[in-house]
Amino acid sequence: MASTIAKLFNPAFYTQTAGYVVQRAHNYYHPLMRQNKATPLFHAMVGISAIMYTATYYARVYPDQQKLRAIKKQALEEYYEKHGGGDHH
């Protein structure tokens, strides 16, 4: 357990892991690029789409959702104040 925690605080662990990921990606995609396959393009498009969707959600949708949740929470608190009851969990 202690060695795992020590490894997480060691910058060499992250450098080694990044190098390993880059090496594996090169070994996978390089032959596909040389054969003019569409797989690397498809993977890039999927990755970019996922990043763009996540960024858009956190930039535009998430703040609105937080505001709506706050309004609903306040409305429920007012309702429970007037009518009794509440969250019995």
C-alpha atoms as a PDB file:
ATOM      1  CA  MET A   1       0.000   0.000   0.000  1.00  0.00           C
ATOM      2  CA  ALA A   2       2.773   2.406   0.930  1.00  0.00           C
ATOM      3  CA  SER A   3       4.630   1.660  -2.311  1.00  0.00           C
ATOM      4  CA  THR A   4       1.511   2.461  -4.335  1.00  0.00           C
ATOM      5  CA  ILE A   5       1.078   5.792  -2.586  1.00  0.00           C
ATOM      6  CA  ALA A   6       4.773   6.588  -3.021  1.00  0.00           C
ATOM      7  CA  LYS A   7       4.487   5.755  -6.712  1.00  0.00           C
ATOM      8  CA  LEU A   8       1.620   8.245  -7.120  1.00  0.00           C
ATOM      9  CA  PHE A   9       3.810  11.075  -5.785  1.00  0.00           C
ATOM     10  CA  ASN A  10       6.792  10.171  -7.963  1.00  0.00           C
ATOM     11  CA  PRO A  11       6.975  12.202 -11.225  1.00  0.00           C
ATOM     12  CA  ALA A  12       8.963   9.409 -12.886  1.00  0.00           C
ATOM     13  CA  PHE A  13       5.881   7.179 -12.657  1.00  0.00           C
ATOM     14  CA  TYR A  14       3.866   9.608 -14.773  1.00  0.00           C
ATOM     15  CA  THR A  15       6.716  10.129 -17.248  1.00  0.00           C
ATOM     16  CA  GLN A  16       7.077   6.374 -17.665  1.00  0.00           C
ATOM     17  CA  THR A  17       3.325   5.885 -18.061  1.00  0.00           C
ATOM     18  CA  ALA A  18       3.072   8.655 -20.656  1.00  0.00           C
ATOM     19  CA  GLY A  19       5.984   7.147 -22.586  1.00  0.00           C
ATOM     20  CA  TYR A  20       4.296   3.758 -22.516  1.00  0.00           C
ATOM     21  CA  VAL A  21       1.007   5.200 -23.803  1.00  0.00           C
ATOM     22  CA  VAL A  22       2.768   7.058 -26.612  1.00  0.00           C
ATOM     23  CA  GLN A  23       4.712   3.933 -27.586  1.00  0.00           C
ATOM     24  CA  ARG A  24       1.567   1.792 -27.683  1.00  0.00           C
ATOM     25  CA  ALA A  25      -0.329   4.408 -29.703  1.00  0.00           C
ATOM     26  CA  HIS A  26       2.538   4.620 -32.185  1.00  0.00           C
ATOM     27  CA  ASN A  27       2.755   0.843 -32.483  1.00  0.00           C
ATOM     28  CA  TYR A  28      -1.009   0.645 -33.118  1.00  0.00           C
ATOM     29  CA  TYR A  29      -1.577   3.631 -35.412  1.00  0.00           C
ATOM     30  CA  HIS A  30       1.664   3.775 -37.397  1.00  0.00           C
ATOM     31  CA  PRO A  31       0.967   0.633 -39.482  1.00  0.00           C
ATOM     32  CA  LEU A  32      -2.602   1.782 -40.037  1.00  0.00           C
ATOM     33  CA  MET A  33      -1.407   5.156 -41.312  1.00  0.00           C
ATOM     34  CA  ARG A  34       1.066   3.482 -43.673  1.00  0.00           C
ATOM     35  CA  GLN A  35      -1.783   1.317 -45.055  1.00  0.00           C
ATOM     36  CA  ASN A  36      -4.083   4.356 -45.546  1.00  0.00           C
ATOM     37  CA  LYS A  37      -6.766   2.971 -43.239  1.00  0.00           C
ATOM     38  CA  ALA A  38      -9.625   5.109 -42.002  1.00  0.00           C
ATOM     39  CA  THR A  39      -9.394   3.825 -38.417  1.00  0.00           C
ATOM     40  CA  PRO A  40      -7.053   6.580 -37.141  1.00  0.00           C
ATOM     41  CA  LEU A  41      -9.300   9.245 -38.652  1.00  0.00           C
ATOM     42  CA  PHE A  42     -12.392   7.664 -37.118  1.00  0.00           C
ATOM     43  CA  HIS A  43     -10.738   7.408 -33.689  1.00  0.00           C
ATOM     44  CA  ALA A  44      -9.606  11.036 -33.894  1.00  0.00           C
ATOM     45  CA  MET A  45     -13.135  12.150 -34.823  1.00  0.00           C
ATOM     46  CA  VAL A  46     -14.671  10.204 -31.935  1.00  0.00           C
ATOM     47  CA  GLY A  47     -12.116  11.570 -29.479  1.00  0.00           C
ATOM     48  CA  ILE A  48     -12.565  15.163 -30.626  1.00  0.00           C
ATOM     49  CA  SER A  49     -16.352  14.808 -30.492  1.00  0.00           C
ATOM     50  CA  ALA A  50     -16.223  13.478 -26.935  1.00  0.00           C
ATOM     51  CA  ILE A  51     -13.964  16.328 -25.839  1.00  0.00           C
ATOM     52  CA  MET A  52     -16.160  18.939 -27.539  1.00  0.00           C
ATOM     53  CA  TYR A  53     -19.360  17.494 -26.066  1.00  0.00           C
ATOM     54  CA  THR A  54     -17.863  17.467 -22.566  1.00  0.00           C
ATOM     55  CA  ALA A  55     -16.528  21.009 -22.880  1.00  0.00           C
ATOM     56  CA  THR A  56     -19.858  22.293 -24.195  1.00  0.00           C
ATOM     57  CA  TYR A  57     -21.771  20.556 -21.419  1.00  0.00           C
ATOM     58  CA  TYR A  58     -19.599  22.023 -18.678  1.00  0.00           C
ATOM     59  CA  ALA A  59     -19.504  25.480 -20.251  1.00  0.00           C
ATOM     60  CA  ARG A  60     -23.159  25.883 -21.211  1.00  0.00           C
ATOM     61  CA  VAL A  61     -25.490  23.230 -19.814  1.00  0.00           C
ATOM     62  CA  TYR A  62     -24.024  22.497 -16.364  1.00  0.00           C
ATOM     63  CA  PRO A  63     -24.359  26.051 -14.969  1.00  0.00           C
ATOM     64  CA  ASP A  64     -28.000  26.182 -16.105  1.00  0.00           C
ATOM     65  CA  GLN A  65     -28.669  22.807 -14.485  1.00  0.00           C
ATOM     66  CA  GLN A  66     -27.129  24.027 -11.228  1.00  0.00           C
ATOM     67  CA  LYS A  67     -29.378  27.114 -11.282  1.00  0.00           C
ATOM     68  CA  LEU A  68     -32.485  24.977 -11.899  1.00  0.00           C
ATOM     69  CA  ARG A  69     -31.517  22.626  -9.065  1.00  0.00           C
ATOM     70  CA  ALA A  70     -31.074  25.561  -6.693  1.00  0.00           C
ATOM     71  CA  ILE A  71     -34.514  26.932  -7.642  1.00  0.00           C
ATOM     72  CA  LYS A  72     -36.143  23.529  -7.122  1.00  0.00           C
ATOM     73  CA  LYS A  73     -34.394  23.075  -3.781  1.00  0.00           C
ATOM     74  CA  GLN A  74     -35.578  26.465  -2.599  1.00  0.00           C
ATOM     75  CA  ALA A  75     -39.138  25.759  -3.793  1.00  0.00           C
ATOM     76  CA  LEU A  76     -39.185  22.420  -1.941  1.00  0.00           C
ATOM     77  CA  GLU A  77     -37.912  24.043   1.239  1.00  0.00           C
ATOM     78  CA  GLU A  78     -40.695  26.650   1.048  1.00  0.00           C
ATOM     79  CA  TYR A  79     -43.273  23.929   0.373  1.00  0.00           C
ATOM     80  CA  TYR A  80     -42.107  21.853   3.346  1.00  0.00           C
ATOM     81  CA  GLU A  81     -42.144  24.951   5.544  1.00  0.00           C
ATOM     82  CA  LYS A  82     -45.788  25.656   4.667  1.00  0.00           C
ATOM     83  CA  HIS A  83     -47.122  22.105   4.491  1.00  0.00           C
ATOM     84  CA  GLY A  84     -44.833  20.145   6.763  1.00  0.00           C
ATOM     85  CA  GLY A  85     -43.081  16.988   5.812  1.00  0.00           C
ATOM     86  CA  GLY A  86     -39.769  16.936   4.131  1.00  0.00           C
ATOM     87  CA  ASP A  87     -37.002  14.711   3.104  1.00  0.00           C
ATOM     88  CA  HIS A  88     -37.224  11.674   5.384  1.00  0.00           C
ATOM     89  CA  HIS A  89     -34.180   9.853   4.126  1.00  0.00           C
END
